[in-house]
Amino acid sequence: MALTRVFPYNSTLQRQMLERAGSAAAIYKQRHDITALIPELAPRAEQMLDRLEGEMSRCEEELLYAQNHHIRILPIQDSAVYPARLRQCDDAPTILYYLGTADLNAAHIISIVGTRRCTEYGRNQCQRIAEELREMLPDAIIVSGLAYGIDIAAHRAALSNGLNTVGVLASGLDEIYPRMHRPVAVEMVRNGGLLTELMSYSHIDKINFVQRNRIVAGLADATIVVESAEKGGSLITANIANGYNRSVYAYPGRSTDAMSRGCNNLIRHHIATLTTSISDVITDLNWQITGTAASAPAQKELFPELSDSERLVMATMTTHQDADFSELIMATALPSARLTSTLMTLEMKGIIKKMAGNHYHLLYS
């Protein structure tokens, strides 16, 4: 713990020192003559080790805080408790603080990330992912960053479908950021967990959010980007996951949709694989379906009661989940009055949703 305070935001150096010295205790004992253990250590780093002793009282306070709040401390050198997937990453945190019930070494872990300014399309995709996981892999854990937009949508979708979900924080466990997500975080402690590399009462700095991204990427077998603009933290997470040789997937969108441009670029540059369903991911990762979908008979049609015109509109909107009235007129060739009636019926059945500007959004495909 003291090493993380002496060398903040440099977990790679911390890990190298631990591996060369054998333990943190050895570094502390030899701190005044560290070159005897690590000859190649830079003089500046050697000087910084003089601060170790002064950090011990703060670390003792943190140990007491963790004990009083049922927080588990996971050191990287303890392979029995530290997340195995994350431990494979060279820049993995030296220490993690964990409050929750989910197994961080569970068989199936997926990270879901995306823009903070997500659309209805993005929220619906998160819900759809969680619903499909409930049917196919009910033991799966969804990981995200508890931020606005896709992150919180993914956590909420997981909880509403009975899945465990883990939030990686950019703060200590004493403070939930943003505060409005605290009710969701409380529920996650009982149905998943909260994880951070930061001690309690740490300042919430911009760099913390960038550092958090590597944990989100490293914890999971695969990272899914649901929506993203051309720039954003989710793209950083995707690139980190790709650098870890983890599978990365992205939901495509129309070229005119601002919140799909990042996903489209990830696919274009072969950083992410295009996906339209969690079943694509499960197949690609060679995971065995264990949920009710494994034994359920094939369902030929989700909505067999639909009329011919309703089927036509649904088939048209399956390609693009959002369409305006004029686009549907041209694509379906239905008379205006008939199309209006059909759209109204589909909306009443909960299959589509009318949006602003005479646009329609397909909820099920």
Protein backbone atom coordinates (compact mmCIF):
# COMPACT_ATOMS: atom_id res chain seq x y z
CA MET A 1 0.00 0.00 0.00
CA ALA A 2 2.83 2.39 0.86
CA LEU A 3 4.51 1.69 -2.49
CA THR A 4 1.40 2.89 -4.32
CA ARG A 5 1.59 6.18 -2.44
CA VAL A 6 5.31 6.67 -3.03
CA PHE A 7 5.03 5.86 -6.76
CA PRO A 8 1.48 6.94 -7.70
CA TYR A 9 0.22 6.19 -11.22
CA ASN A 10 3.24 3.96 -11.90
CA SER A 11 2.03 0.45 -11.24
CA THR A 12 4.46 -0.95 -13.81
CA LEU A 13 7.45 0.26 -11.75
CA GLN A 14 5.83 -0.96 -8.54
CA ARG A 15 5.39 -4.42 -10.00
CA GLN A 16 8.93 -4.55 -11.39
CA MET A 17 10.31 -3.65 -7.98
CA LEU A 18 8.20 -6.30 -6.27
CA GLU A 19 9.30 -8.98 -8.71
CA ARG A 20 12.99 -8.05 -8.39
CA ALA A 21 12.97 -7.70 -4.60
CA GLY A 22 10.63 -10.62 -3.93
CA SER A 23 8.22 -8.76 -1.65
CA ALA A 24 7.17 -5.32 -0.44
CA ALA A 25 8.59 -6.17 2.98
CA ALA A 26 12.01 -6.75 1.42
CA ILE A 27 11.85 -3.35 -0.30
CA TYR A 28 10.94 -1.65 2.97
CA LYS A 29 13.68 -3.41 4.93
CA GLN A 30 16.31 -2.56 2.30
CA ARG A 31 14.97 0.91 1.46
CA HIS A 32 18.16 2.73 2.50
CA ASP A 33 20.32 0.49 0.31
CA ILE A 34 17.85 -0.64 -2.33
CA THR A 35 20.49 -0.99 -5.06
CA ALA A 36 21.72 -4.08 -3.26
CA LEU A 37 18.41 -5.69 -4.27
CA ILE A 38 17.66 -3.74 -7.46
CA PRO A 39 20.95 -2.42 -8.93
CA GLU A 40 19.25 -0.97 -12.02
CA LEU A 41 16.83 1.23 -10.06
CA ALA A 42 17.03 4.90 -11.07
CA PRO A 43 18.54 7.29 -8.47
CA ARG A 44 15.33 9.32 -8.36
CA ALA A 45 13.28 6.22 -7.48
CA GLU A 46 15.84 5.30 -4.84
CA GLN A 47 15.45 8.73 -3.23
CA MET A 48 11.65 8.43 -3.25
CA LEU A 49 11.84 5.24 -1.18
CA ASP A 50 12.87 7.40 1.76
CA ARG A 51 9.18 8.35 1.98
CA LEU A 52 8.04 4.77 2.65
CA GLU A 53 8.30 4.98 6.42
CA GLY A 54 6.32 8.21 6.51
CA GLU A 55 3.45 6.59 4.60
CA MET A 56 3.04 3.68 7.02
CA SER A 57 0.70 5.46 9.43
CA ARG A 58 -1.63 6.43 6.56
CA CYS A 59 -1.67 2.82 5.40
CA GLU A 60 -2.49 1.60 8.90
CA GLU A 61 -5.45 4.00 8.93
CA GLU A 62 -6.61 2.54 5.62
CA LEU A 63 -6.35 -1.01 6.95
CA LEU A 64 -8.59 -0.04 9.85
CA TYR A 65 -11.04 1.73 7.50
CA ALA A 66 -11.21 -1.38 5.32
CA GLN A 67 -11.80 -3.61 8.33
CA ASN A 68 -14.59 -1.40 9.66
CA HIS A 69 -16.35 -1.24 6.27
CA HIS A 70 -15.90 -4.88 5.22
CA ILE A 71 -13.61 -3.92 2.34
CA ARG A 72 -11.31 -6.64 1.04
CA ILE A 73 -7.74 -5.63 0.15
CA LEU A 74 -6.36 -7.59 -2.80
CA PRO A 75 -2.55 -7.42 -3.28
CA ILE A 76 -1.16 -8.43 -6.66
CA GLN A 77 1.29 -10.91 -5.13
CA ASP A 78 -1.56 -12.92 -3.62
CA SER A 79 -2.74 -14.99 -6.58
CA ALA A 80 -5.44 -16.60 -4.44
CA VAL A 81 -7.44 -13.37 -4.15
CA TYR A 82 -6.24 -11.06 -6.93
CA PRO A 83 -8.24 -11.19 -10.23
CA ALA A 84 -6.30 -13.59 -12.47
CA ARG A 85 -7.18 -11.87 -15.75
CA LEU A 86 -6.04 -8.49 -14.47
CA ARG A 87 -2.86 -9.99 -13.03
CA GLN A 88 -1.82 -10.93 -16.58
CA CYS A 89 -1.54 -7.23 -17.49
CA ASP A 90 1.88 -5.61 -17.05
CA ASP A 91 0.41 -2.38 -15.66
CA ALA A 92 -2.11 -4.01 -13.31
CA PRO A 93 -2.67 -2.18 -10.01
CA THR A 94 -0.48 -3.31 -7.13
CA ILE A 95 -3.39 -3.12 -4.70
CA LEU A 96 -7.15 -3.33 -5.19
CA TYR A 97 -9.91 -2.45 -2.73
CA TYR A 98 -13.08 -4.49 -3.19
CA LEU A 99 -16.54 -4.30 -1.67
CA GLY A 100 -18.95 -6.88 -2.98
CA THR A 101 -19.99 -10.48 -3.41
CA ALA A 102 -19.17 -11.35 -7.04
CA ASP A 103 -16.27 -13.67 -7.87
CA LEU A 104 -13.73 -11.58 -9.76
CA ASN A 105 -12.38 -14.82 -11.22
CA ALA A 106 -15.77 -15.99 -12.51
CA ALA A 107 -15.82 -18.01 -15.73
CA HIS A 108 -17.54 -15.37 -17.87
CA ILE A 109 -16.83 -11.65 -17.44
CA ILE A 110 -17.72 -8.99 -20.02
CA SER A 111 -16.97 -5.27 -19.87
CA ILE A 112 -19.48 -2.90 -21.45
CA VAL A 113 -18.41 0.69 -22.15
CA GLY A 114 -19.56 3.64 -24.19
CA THR A 115 -20.33 7.32 -24.35
CA ARG A 116 -21.67 9.34 -21.44
CA ARG A 117 -24.13 10.95 -23.87
CA CYS A 118 -25.81 7.75 -24.95
CA THR A 119 -29.02 7.59 -26.95
CA GLU A 120 -32.13 5.48 -26.54
CA TYR A 121 -30.53 3.07 -29.01
CA GLY A 122 -27.54 2.60 -26.70
CA ARG A 123 -29.66 2.06 -23.60
CA ASN A 124 -31.79 -0.46 -25.44
CA GLN A 125 -28.70 -2.34 -26.60
CA CYS A 126 -27.47 -2.59 -23.00
CA GLN A 127 -30.85 -3.98 -21.97
CA ARG A 128 -30.80 -6.42 -24.86
CA ILE A 129 -27.29 -7.64 -23.96
CA ALA A 130 -28.34 -8.27 -20.37
CA GLU A 131 -31.53 -10.05 -21.44
CA GLU A 132 -29.59 -12.32 -23.79
CA LEU A 133 -26.97 -13.06 -21.14
CA ARG A 134 -29.73 -13.95 -18.66
CA GLU A 135 -31.01 -16.53 -21.16
CA MET A 136 -27.62 -17.85 -22.33
CA LEU A 137 -25.08 -17.25 -19.52
CA PRO A 138 -26.84 -16.35 -16.27
CA ASP A 139 -23.54 -16.62 -14.37
CA ALA A 140 -21.94 -13.86 -16.47
CA ILE A 141 -20.68 -10.70 -14.79
CA ILE A 142 -20.98 -7.29 -16.45
CA VAL A 143 -18.20 -4.80 -15.65
CA SER A 144 -18.31 -1.06 -16.30
CA GLY A 145 -17.24 2.25 -14.78
CA LEU A 146 -20.42 3.55 -13.04
CA ALA A 147 -20.24 6.72 -15.15
CA TYR A 148 -23.11 8.49 -16.89
CA GLY A 149 -24.51 7.06 -20.12
CA ILE A 150 -23.67 3.55 -21.26
CA ASP A 151 -21.87 2.62 -18.02
CA ILE A 152 -24.83 3.13 -15.72
CA ALA A 153 -27.21 1.74 -18.37
CA ALA A 154 -25.16 -1.47 -18.42
CA HIS A 155 -25.17 -1.74 -14.62
CA ARG A 156 -28.92 -1.13 -14.42
CA ALA A 157 -29.63 -3.61 -17.21
CA ALA A 158 -27.57 -6.25 -15.42
CA LEU A 159 -29.38 -5.71 -12.12
CA SER A 160 -32.84 -5.74 -13.71
CA ASN A 161 -32.02 -9.09 -15.31
CA GLY A 162 -30.60 -10.73 -12.20
CA LEU A 163 -26.94 -10.58 -13.30
CA ASN A 164 -24.01 -9.62 -11.12
CA THR A 165 -22.33 -6.38 -12.11
CA VAL A 166 -19.06 -4.80 -10.94
CA GLY A 167 -18.32 -1.07 -11.06
CA VAL A 168 -14.73 0.13 -11.26
CA LEU A 169 -14.43 3.48 -9.50
CA ALA A 170 -12.19 6.47 -10.15
CA SER A 171 -12.37 7.28 -6.45
CA GLY A 172 -11.97 5.55 -3.11
CA LEU A 173 -14.80 3.43 -1.77
CA ASP A 174 -15.77 6.19 0.64
CA GLU A 175 -17.24 8.26 -2.20
CA ILE A 176 -19.44 7.27 -5.13
CA TYR A 177 -18.96 9.45 -8.20
CA PRO A 178 -21.26 10.64 -9.62
CA ARG A 179 -23.27 10.86 -6.42
CA MET A 180 -26.61 10.35 -8.15
CA HIS A 181 -25.53 6.76 -8.92
CA ARG A 182 -25.19 5.89 -5.24
CA PRO A 183 -28.53 3.96 -5.07
CA VAL A 184 -27.39 1.77 -7.96
CA ALA A 185 -23.97 1.33 -6.32
CA VAL A 186 -25.59 0.18 -3.08
CA GLU A 187 -27.56 -2.45 -4.99
CA MET A 188 -24.40 -3.51 -6.82
CA VAL A 189 -22.62 -4.27 -3.54
CA ARG A 190 -25.26 -6.94 -2.92
CA ASN A 191 -25.35 -8.14 -6.54
CA GLY A 192 -21.81 -7.74 -7.81
CA GLY A 193 -19.43 -5.24 -6.30
CA LEU A 194 -17.39 -2.04 -6.37
CA LEU A 195 -13.67 -2.09 -7.12
CA THR A 196 -10.93 0.56 -7.04
CA GLU A 197 -7.16 0.91 -6.77
CA LEU A 198 -7.52 4.11 -4.73
CA MET A 199 -7.54 4.51 -0.97
CA SER A 200 -10.41 6.20 0.79
CA TYR A 201 -10.46 10.01 0.73
CA SER A 202 -8.44 10.14 -2.50
CA HIS A 203 -8.86 13.22 -4.67
CA ILE A 204 -11.01 12.63 -7.76
CA ASP A 205 -8.59 13.72 -10.45
CA LYS A 206 -8.93 13.45 -14.22
CA ILE A 207 -6.10 10.93 -14.43
CA ASN A 208 -8.04 8.56 -12.18
CA PHE A 209 -10.61 8.01 -14.93
CA VAL A 210 -7.93 7.15 -17.48
CA GLN A 211 -6.26 4.77 -15.01
CA ARG A 212 -9.61 3.16 -14.28
CA ASN A 213 -10.03 2.22 -17.94
CA ARG A 214 -7.21 -0.32 -17.81
CA ILE A 215 -8.91 -2.12 -14.91
CA VAL A 216 -12.22 -2.25 -16.80
CA ALA A 217 -10.39 -3.73 -19.80
CA GLY A 218 -8.15 -6.08 -17.82
CA LEU A 219 -10.86 -7.64 -15.64
CA ALA A 220 -12.82 -9.10 -18.55
CA ASP A 221 -12.53 -11.69 -21.28
CA ALA A 222 -14.04 -9.23 -23.73
CA THR A 223 -14.90 -5.55 -23.96
CA ILE A 224 -18.00 -4.38 -25.82
CA VAL A 225 -18.34 -0.77 -27.00
CA VAL A 226 -22.03 0.02 -27.41
CA GLU A 227 -21.92 3.66 -28.47
CA SER A 228 -19.09 6.15 -28.80
CA ALA A 229 -18.35 9.45 -30.45
CA GLU A 230 -15.14 9.88 -32.46
CA LYS A 231 -13.25 10.57 -29.22
CA GLY A 232 -13.90 9.35 -25.71
CA GLY A 233 -12.84 7.24 -22.79
CA SER A 234 -14.53 4.11 -24.14
CA LEU A 235 -12.20 4.17 -27.15
CA ILE A 236 -9.24 4.31 -24.77
CA THR A 237 -10.63 1.28 -22.96
CA ALA A 238 -11.11 -0.56 -26.26
CA ASN A 239 -7.53 0.15 -27.32
CA ILE A 240 -6.20 -0.94 -23.94
CA ALA A 241 -8.18 -4.20 -24.15
CA ASN A 242 -6.83 -4.74 -27.64
CA GLY A 243 -3.32 -4.17 -26.30
CA TYR A 244 -3.97 -6.82 -23.66
CA ASN A 245 -4.91 -9.24 -26.49
CA ARG A 246 -8.48 -9.35 -25.21
CA SER A 247 -11.44 -9.57 -27.56
CA VAL A 248 -13.05 -6.23 -28.43
CA TYR A 249 -16.50 -5.85 -30.00
CA ALA A 250 -18.47 -2.83 -31.19
CA TYR A 251 -22.08 -2.26 -32.16
CA PRO A 252 -22.23 -0.54 -35.55
CA GLY A 253 -24.37 2.48 -36.34
CA ARG A 254 -25.27 4.73 -39.22
CA SER A 255 -22.51 7.00 -40.49
CA THR A 256 -24.69 10.01 -39.71
CA ASP A 257 -25.11 9.07 -36.03
CA ALA A 258 -22.58 11.02 -33.96
CA MET A 259 -22.64 8.47 -31.13
CA SER A 260 -21.82 5.60 -33.48
CA ARG A 261 -18.79 7.08 -35.22
CA GLY A 262 -16.36 5.79 -32.61
CA CYS A 263 -17.74 2.25 -32.91
CA ASN A 264 -17.65 2.40 -36.70
CA ASN A 265 -14.02 3.56 -36.59
CA LEU A 266 -13.04 0.73 -34.23
CA ILE A 267 -14.52 -1.73 -36.70
CA ARG A 268 -12.98 0.03 -39.70
CA HIS A 269 -9.49 -0.08 -38.18
CA HIS A 270 -9.87 -3.73 -37.10
CA ILE A 271 -9.58 -2.90 -33.40
CA ALA A 272 -13.06 -4.27 -32.74
CA THR A 273 -15.16 -7.01 -34.27
CA LEU A 274 -18.61 -6.00 -35.44
CA THR A 275 -21.39 -7.49 -33.33
CA THR A 276 -25.15 -7.14 -33.31
CA SER A 277 -25.94 -9.66 -30.58
CA ILE A 278 -24.29 -11.10 -27.48
CA SER A 279 -24.68 -14.51 -29.12
CA ASP A 280 -21.96 -13.39 -31.58
CA VAL A 281 -19.62 -12.79 -28.66
CA ILE A 282 -20.46 -16.07 -26.95
CA THR A 283 -19.83 -18.01 -30.16
CA ASP A 284 -16.60 -16.15 -30.88
CA LEU A 285 -15.24 -16.84 -27.39
CA ASN A 286 -16.27 -20.50 -27.57
CA TRP A 287 -18.35 -20.20 -24.42
CA GLN A 288 -20.92 -22.91 -23.78
CA ILE A 289 -24.49 -21.71 -23.34
CA THR A 290 -25.67 -22.80 -19.91
CA GLY A 291 -28.95 -20.89 -19.48
CA THR A 292 -32.49 -21.68 -20.55
CA ALA A 293 -31.60 -20.93 -24.16
CA ALA A 294 -29.43 -24.07 -24.21
CA SER A 295 -32.44 -26.37 -23.93
CA ALA A 296 -35.20 -24.17 -25.33
CA PRO A 297 -36.64 -25.22 -28.69
CA ALA A 298 -35.89 -22.94 -31.60
CA GLN A 299 -38.39 -20.10 -31.80
CA LYS A 300 -39.24 -19.49 -35.41
CA GLU A 301 -40.93 -16.15 -34.90
CA LEU A 302 -40.86 -13.73 -31.99
CA PHE A 303 -44.12 -12.04 -33.06
CA PRO A 304 -46.16 -14.59 -35.08
CA GLU A 305 -49.34 -12.53 -34.66
CA LEU A 306 -48.09 -9.64 -36.79
CA SER A 307 -49.90 -8.65 -39.98
CA ASP A 308 -48.13 -8.62 -43.35
CA SER A 309 -47.66 -4.83 -43.27
CA GLU A 310 -46.32 -4.99 -39.68
CA ARG A 311 -43.83 -7.66 -40.71
CA LEU A 312 -42.76 -5.54 -43.66
CA VAL A 313 -42.10 -2.50 -41.47
CA MET A 314 -40.20 -4.62 -38.92
CA ALA A 315 -38.07 -6.21 -41.64
CA THR A 316 -37.29 -2.77 -43.04
CA MET A 317 -36.30 -1.38 -39.64
CA THR A 318 -34.15 -4.39 -38.73
CA THR A 319 -31.40 -3.05 -40.99
CA HIS A 320 -31.54 0.43 -39.41
CA GLN A 321 -33.18 0.53 -36.00
CA ASP A 322 -34.11 4.20 -36.46
CA ALA A 323 -36.05 5.52 -39.46
CA ASP A 324 -38.27 8.46 -40.21
CA PHE A 325 -41.69 8.31 -41.84
CA SER A 326 -40.52 9.34 -45.30
CA GLU A 327 -37.78 6.69 -45.30
CA LEU A 328 -40.34 4.03 -44.39
CA ILE A 329 -42.72 5.21 -47.13
CA MET A 330 -39.99 4.75 -49.74
CA ALA A 331 -38.67 1.47 -48.33
CA THR A 332 -42.02 -0.29 -47.82
CA ALA A 333 -44.09 1.29 -50.64
CA LEU A 334 -47.08 1.25 -48.30
CA PRO A 335 -49.73 3.95 -48.70
CA SER A 336 -49.34 6.78 -46.22
CA ALA A 337 -52.54 6.03 -44.32
CA ARG A 338 -51.74 2.33 -44.06
CA LEU A 339 -48.20 3.00 -42.87
CA THR A 340 -49.49 5.42 -40.23
CA SER A 341 -51.93 2.79 -38.95
CA THR A 342 -49.24 0.10 -38.99
CA LEU A 343 -46.77 2.22 -37.05
CA MET A 344 -49.43 3.05 -34.47
CA THR A 345 -50.22 -0.65 -34.01
CA LEU A 346 -46.53 -1.58 -33.66
CA GLU A 347 -46.10 1.16 -31.08
CA MET A 348 -49.09 -0.10 -29.10
CA LYS A 349 -47.58 -3.60 -29.13
CA GLY A 350 -44.33 -2.22 -27.71
CA ILE A 351 -42.27 -3.19 -30.76
CA ILE A 352 -41.34 0.33 -31.86
CA LYS A 353 -41.16 3.70 -30.15
CA LYS A 354 -42.01 7.04 -31.71
CA MET A 355 -39.24 9.59 -31.27
CA ALA A 356 -38.98 13.34 -31.91
CA GLY A 357 -39.14 14.57 -35.50
CA ASN A 358 -41.43 11.79 -36.74
CA HIS A 359 -38.68 9.21 -36.23
CA TYR A 360 -39.33 5.65 -35.13
CA HIS A 361 -37.03 3.36 -33.13
CA LEU A 362 -37.20 -0.45 -33.27
CA LEU A 363 -37.12 -1.95 -29.77
CA TYR A 364 -36.94 -5.61 -30.84
CA SER A 365 -35.36 -7.17 -33.89
